[in-house]
Protein backbone atom coordinates (compact mmCIF):
# COMPACT_ATOMS: atom_id res chain seq x y z
CA MET A 1 -18.28 -1.58 -35.88
CA ALA A 2 -17.12 -3.49 -33.00
CA LEU A 3 -14.97 -6.47 -33.51
CA CYS A 4 -15.52 -9.78 -31.50
CA LYS A 5 -12.11 -11.07 -30.19
CA THR A 6 -10.95 -14.73 -30.05
CA GLU A 7 -10.10 -16.41 -26.95
CA LYS A 8 -6.42 -16.12 -27.50
CA GLU A 9 -6.85 -12.26 -28.34
CA ILE A 10 -8.81 -12.05 -24.96
CA GLU A 11 -6.18 -13.75 -23.12
CA TYR A 12 -3.35 -11.16 -24.43
CA MET A 13 -5.69 -8.43 -23.56
CA ARG A 14 -6.18 -9.95 -20.04
CA GLU A 15 -2.30 -10.10 -19.79
CA ALA A 16 -1.99 -6.33 -20.84
CA GLY A 17 -4.78 -5.48 -18.44
CA ARG A 18 -3.00 -7.18 -15.50
CA ILE A 19 0.14 -5.17 -16.10
CA VAL A 20 -1.99 -1.94 -16.22
CA ALA A 21 -3.46 -2.98 -12.83
CA LEU A 22 -0.05 -3.43 -11.42
CA ALA A 23 0.94 -0.04 -12.39
CA HIS A 24 -2.02 1.41 -10.70
CA LYS A 25 -1.26 -0.56 -7.65
CA ALA A 26 2.42 0.77 -7.52
CA VAL A 27 1.05 4.33 -8.19
CA GLN A 28 -1.48 3.93 -5.39
CA LYS A 29 1.34 3.09 -2.88
CA GLU A 30 3.28 6.16 -3.74
CA MET A 31 0.41 8.68 -3.99
CA LYS A 32 1.20 11.16 -1.15
CA PRO A 33 1.97 15.04 -0.81
CA GLY A 34 5.43 15.99 -1.89
CA ILE A 35 5.79 13.81 -4.94
CA SER A 36 5.72 14.97 -8.52
CA THR A 37 3.40 13.70 -11.39
CA LYS A 38 6.75 13.09 -13.48
CA TYR A 39 7.75 10.72 -10.49
CA LEU A 40 4.26 8.97 -10.72
CA ASN A 41 4.90 8.62 -14.54
CA LYS A 42 8.22 6.96 -14.01
CA ILE A 43 6.68 4.46 -11.69
CA VAL A 44 4.11 3.46 -14.36
CA GLU A 45 6.72 3.28 -17.21
CA ASN A 46 8.89 1.35 -15.11
CA VAL A 47 6.35 -1.38 -14.17
CA ILE A 48 5.18 -1.72 -17.72
CA ILE A 49 8.73 -2.20 -19.22
CA SER A 50 9.62 -4.59 -16.40
CA HIS A 51 6.80 -7.00 -17.48
CA SER A 52 8.06 -6.89 -21.13
CA ALA A 53 5.30 -4.66 -22.23
CA SER A 54 5.25 -1.12 -23.75
CA PRO A 55 3.33 2.04 -22.60
CA SER A 56 0.35 2.35 -24.87
CA PHE A 57 0.08 6.20 -24.58
CA LYS A 58 3.71 7.08 -25.15
CA GLY A 59 4.01 8.48 -28.41
CA LEU A 60 0.31 7.80 -29.19
CA TYR A 61 -0.79 10.86 -31.37
CA GLY A 62 2.52 12.55 -30.35
CA PHE A 63 1.77 12.16 -26.28
CA PRO A 64 5.04 12.50 -24.64
CA ALA A 65 4.57 10.33 -21.44
CA ALA A 66 3.74 6.72 -20.41
CA ALA A 67 0.58 8.10 -18.33
CA CYS A 68 -1.80 10.64 -18.52
CA ILE A 69 -1.83 12.42 -15.14
CA SER A 70 -4.64 14.87 -14.52
CA VAL A 71 -4.65 17.01 -11.34
CA ASN A 72 -7.77 18.66 -9.71
CA SER A 73 -9.70 20.56 -12.47
CA VAL A 74 -7.49 18.69 -15.23
CA LEU A 75 -10.32 16.08 -16.47
CA VAL A 76 -7.99 14.21 -18.82
CA HIS A 77 -4.62 14.01 -20.84
CA GLY A 78 -2.59 15.91 -18.09
CA ILE A 79 1.08 15.74 -19.21
CA PRO A 80 3.37 14.62 -16.14
CA ASP A 81 5.94 17.37 -15.19
CA ASP A 82 7.57 19.00 -12.14
CA THR A 83 4.01 19.64 -10.48
CA ILE A 84 4.32 18.81 -6.76
CA LEU A 85 1.26 17.16 -5.26
CA LYS A 86 -0.06 18.55 -2.12
CA ASP A 87 -2.54 17.52 0.56
CA GLY A 88 -6.34 17.66 -0.67
CA ASP A 89 -5.30 17.14 -4.39
CA VAL A 90 -7.43 14.81 -6.60
CA VAL A 91 -5.37 13.12 -9.30
CA SER A 92 -6.67 10.92 -12.18
CA VAL A 93 -3.97 8.60 -13.62
CA ASP A 94 -4.83 7.04 -17.17
CA ILE A 95 -2.52 4.04 -17.98
CA GLY A 96 -2.31 1.82 -21.10
CA ALA A 97 -0.02 -1.05 -21.81
CA CYS A 98 0.56 -3.22 -24.80
CA ILE A 99 1.79 -6.68 -24.95
CA HIS A 100 1.61 -9.15 -27.93
CA GLY A 101 -0.02 -6.39 -29.90
CA TYR A 102 -2.99 -6.03 -27.54
CA HIS A 103 -3.89 -3.16 -25.28
CA GLY A 104 -5.25 -2.77 -21.80
CA ASP A 105 -6.49 0.65 -20.70
CA SER A 106 -7.69 1.89 -17.16
CA ALA A 107 -7.85 5.13 -15.43
CA TRP A 108 -8.33 5.59 -11.56
CA THR A 109 -8.70 8.77 -9.37
CA TYR A 110 -6.90 9.09 -6.27
CA GLY A 111 -7.24 11.68 -3.41
CA VAL A 112 -3.84 12.87 -1.97
CA GLY A 113 -3.63 13.17 1.84
CA ALA A 114 -6.89 14.39 3.27
CA ILE A 115 -9.34 15.49 0.76
CA SER A 116 -12.86 17.26 1.27
CA GLU A 117 -16.15 15.58 1.56
CA GLU A 118 -17.33 17.03 -1.66
CA VAL A 119 -14.30 15.70 -3.47
CA GLN A 120 -14.67 12.23 -1.85
CA GLU A 121 -18.44 12.12 -2.98
CA LEU A 122 -17.15 13.20 -6.64
CA MET A 123 -14.84 10.27 -6.72
CA ASP A 124 -17.26 7.82 -5.21
CA VAL A 125 -20.03 8.77 -7.67
CA THR A 126 -17.82 8.57 -10.65
CA ARG A 127 -16.43 5.19 -9.84
CA GLN A 128 -19.99 3.93 -8.94
CA SER A 129 -21.16 5.37 -12.36
CA LEU A 130 -18.60 2.98 -14.03
CA PHE A 131 -20.18 0.06 -12.34
CA GLU A 132 -23.71 1.23 -12.89
CA GLY A 133 -22.74 1.24 -16.57
CA LEU A 134 -21.14 -2.11 -16.56
CA LYS A 135 -24.43 -3.68 -15.21
CA GLN A 136 -25.74 -3.06 -18.58
CA ALA A 137 -22.70 -4.60 -20.46
CA LYS A 138 -24.28 -7.90 -21.45
CA ALA A 139 -24.86 -9.74 -24.82
CA GLY A 140 -28.30 -8.79 -26.17
CA ASN A 141 -28.15 -5.11 -24.84
CA ARG A 142 -27.42 -2.04 -26.85
CA LEU A 143 -24.14 -0.03 -26.36
CA THR A 144 -25.95 2.91 -25.37
CA ASP A 145 -27.55 1.18 -22.37
CA ILE A 146 -24.27 1.29 -20.70
CA SER A 147 -24.05 5.14 -21.73
CA HIS A 148 -27.60 5.72 -20.38
CA ALA A 149 -27.04 4.09 -17.09
CA ILE A 150 -23.63 6.06 -16.48
CA GLY A 151 -25.17 9.47 -17.28
CA GLU A 152 -28.19 8.88 -15.23
CA TYR A 153 -26.47 7.91 -12.11
CA VAL A 154 -24.01 11.01 -12.47
CA PHE A 155 -26.73 13.43 -13.19
CA SER A 156 -28.92 12.03 -10.19
CA HIS A 157 -26.00 13.13 -7.87
CA GLY A 158 -25.86 16.79 -9.28
CA PHE A 159 -22.65 16.38 -11.25
CA SER A 160 -21.92 16.47 -15.04
CA VAL A 161 -20.13 14.50 -17.55
CA ALA A 162 -17.87 15.61 -20.38
CA ARG A 163 -19.74 15.81 -23.59
CA ASP A 164 -16.93 15.61 -26.12
CA PHE A 165 -15.00 12.66 -24.67
CA SER A 166 -15.94 9.14 -24.33
CA GLY A 167 -14.97 5.58 -23.92
CA HIS A 168 -14.20 3.37 -26.94
CA GLY A 169 -13.52 -0.07 -28.39
CA ILE A 170 -9.99 -1.43 -27.80
CA GLY A 171 -7.78 -4.26 -28.94
CA THR A 172 -4.81 -4.09 -31.41
CA SER A 173 -5.41 -0.43 -31.26
CA VAL A 174 -5.84 1.64 -28.16
CA HIS A 175 -8.72 3.32 -29.72
CA GLU A 176 -11.16 1.14 -31.77
CA ASP A 177 -14.84 1.75 -32.88
CA PRO A 178 -17.33 2.22 -31.53
CA SER A 179 -17.16 5.33 -29.12
CA VAL A 180 -18.70 4.56 -25.76
CA PRO A 181 -20.60 7.92 -24.57
CA ASN A 182 -21.29 8.70 -21.00
CA PHE A 183 -24.78 9.93 -21.45
CA GLY A 184 -27.67 9.52 -23.80
CA PRO A 185 -30.71 7.53 -24.58
CA SER A 186 -30.67 3.84 -24.15
CA GLY A 187 -31.33 1.28 -26.75
CA LYS A 188 -29.20 2.75 -29.40
CA GLY A 189 -25.81 1.68 -31.06
CA VAL A 190 -24.06 -1.61 -31.55
CA LEU A 191 -25.80 -4.82 -30.30
CA LEU A 192 -23.54 -6.25 -27.87
CA LYS A 193 -22.10 -9.64 -28.56
CA GLU A 194 -19.75 -12.02 -26.59
CA GLY A 195 -16.04 -11.19 -27.42
CA MET A 196 -16.44 -7.53 -27.90
CA THR A 197 -13.99 -5.40 -26.03
CA PHE A 198 -14.42 -1.87 -24.72
CA ALA A 199 -12.87 0.77 -22.50
CA VAL A 200 -15.67 2.25 -20.46
CA GLU A 201 -14.61 5.47 -18.84
CA PRO A 202 -17.02 8.09 -16.95
CA MET A 203 -15.17 11.34 -16.96
CA VAL A 204 -16.99 13.68 -14.36
CA LEU A 205 -16.92 17.16 -13.45
CA MET A 206 -18.20 18.58 -10.21
CA GLY A 207 -19.57 21.79 -11.96
CA LYS A 208 -20.63 22.44 -15.35
CA PRO A 209 -19.84 20.22 -18.23
CA HIS A 210 -17.85 22.81 -20.13
CA VAL A 211 -14.07 22.02 -20.78
CA LYS A 212 -11.32 23.63 -22.72
CA THR A 213 -7.72 22.45 -23.90
CA LEU A 214 -4.84 24.30 -22.49
CA HIS A 215 -1.90 25.74 -24.62
CA ASP A 216 0.18 22.42 -24.10
CA GLY A 217 -2.43 20.98 -26.75
CA TRP A 218 -3.20 18.02 -24.33
CA SER A 219 -4.56 18.86 -20.92
CA VAL A 220 -8.30 19.36 -20.81
CA VAL A 221 -9.57 21.28 -17.89
CA ALA A 222 -12.99 22.26 -16.54
CA LYS A 223 -13.70 25.80 -17.50
CA ASP A 224 -15.08 26.51 -13.99
CA GLY A 225 -11.91 25.37 -12.36
CA ARG A 226 -13.57 22.85 -10.03
CA PRO A 227 -12.59 19.32 -9.41
CA THR A 228 -13.00 16.44 -11.66
CA ALA A 229 -12.78 12.64 -11.69
CA HIS A 230 -11.99 9.65 -14.28
CA PHE A 231 -12.44 5.97 -13.80
CA GLU A 232 -12.11 3.48 -16.43
CA HIS A 233 -11.94 -0.32 -16.98
CA THR A 234 -11.19 -2.35 -20.07
CA ILE A 235 -13.84 -5.16 -20.31
CA VAL A 236 -14.90 -8.07 -22.50
CA ILE A 237 -18.51 -9.10 -23.15
CA THR A 238 -19.10 -12.62 -22.18
CA ARG A 239 -21.94 -15.10 -22.35
CA ASP A 240 -23.33 -14.09 -18.79
CA GLY A 241 -22.41 -10.28 -18.63
CA TYR A 242 -18.90 -9.04 -18.72
CA GLU A 243 -15.40 -9.67 -17.54
CA ILE A 244 -13.08 -6.64 -16.22
CA LEU A 245 -9.67 -7.34 -18.04
CA THR A 246 -7.85 -4.58 -16.25
CA THR A 247 -7.67 -6.30 -12.89
CA LEU A 248 -5.64 -8.52 -10.53
CA THR A 249 -6.17 -11.81 -8.78
CA ASP A 250 -7.39 -11.35 -5.24
CA LYS A 251 -3.89 -12.55 -4.06
CA GLU A 252 -2.32 -9.75 -6.00
CA ASP A 253 -4.65 -6.85 -5.25
CA CYS A 254 -6.25 -6.05 -1.99
CA GLN A 255 -7.25 -2.62 -3.63
CA LYS A 256 -9.81 -4.13 -5.99
CA ASN A 257 -9.47 -1.27 -8.47
CA GLY A 258 -7.91 -2.84 -11.41
């Protein structure tokens, strides 16, 4: 079941999403060789708190940090630590913020310094797969129309998607029903209606789709050790299509990433 939000609820989520976007903008500024993932996490937490919000992920299911920061073969749920980033690394930063009891959630993948052509292609395809999925996010379509568009775009470029992880509904909880898979047949699942809110998030592997969870109980890595990428936006279904909630105004954001 997917809940339709009121305009007031959507406004709260828009505010939460803007804070998430500001945190991403701050992270992008500092993303360079020689910094630690713990330092990036501190940046995220400071931005969120300075805007009178709280980090959605800190303490969620016991997660210990404000942001999930996943490096190279770590697909999702990486725990920030003393790991020092180096030239050529690829870093996925997943950020959630809560204000007035409502959440915004967005992940973005960044290259550190000079990255390889194949890693750049992985990032480009993953990012574009998100927007291919969002083309199907409109009232009257079915939920898996989004899923199908994401998967077909990823597969057509020779990459794979994680099978056990998906996007989700979002609102007063970070994770609400329904799940939003990143592959599968179209025309299934919830009928999309104006006011429904989702976090759509392709999680893409350069190699095979097989993953495992490390001993820390959180970090999900590609079994073949190859690079991964993760892009996500929180959206609301509108009368004419969708609106991205995890974004900034043109004046605030020259990055255009949310």
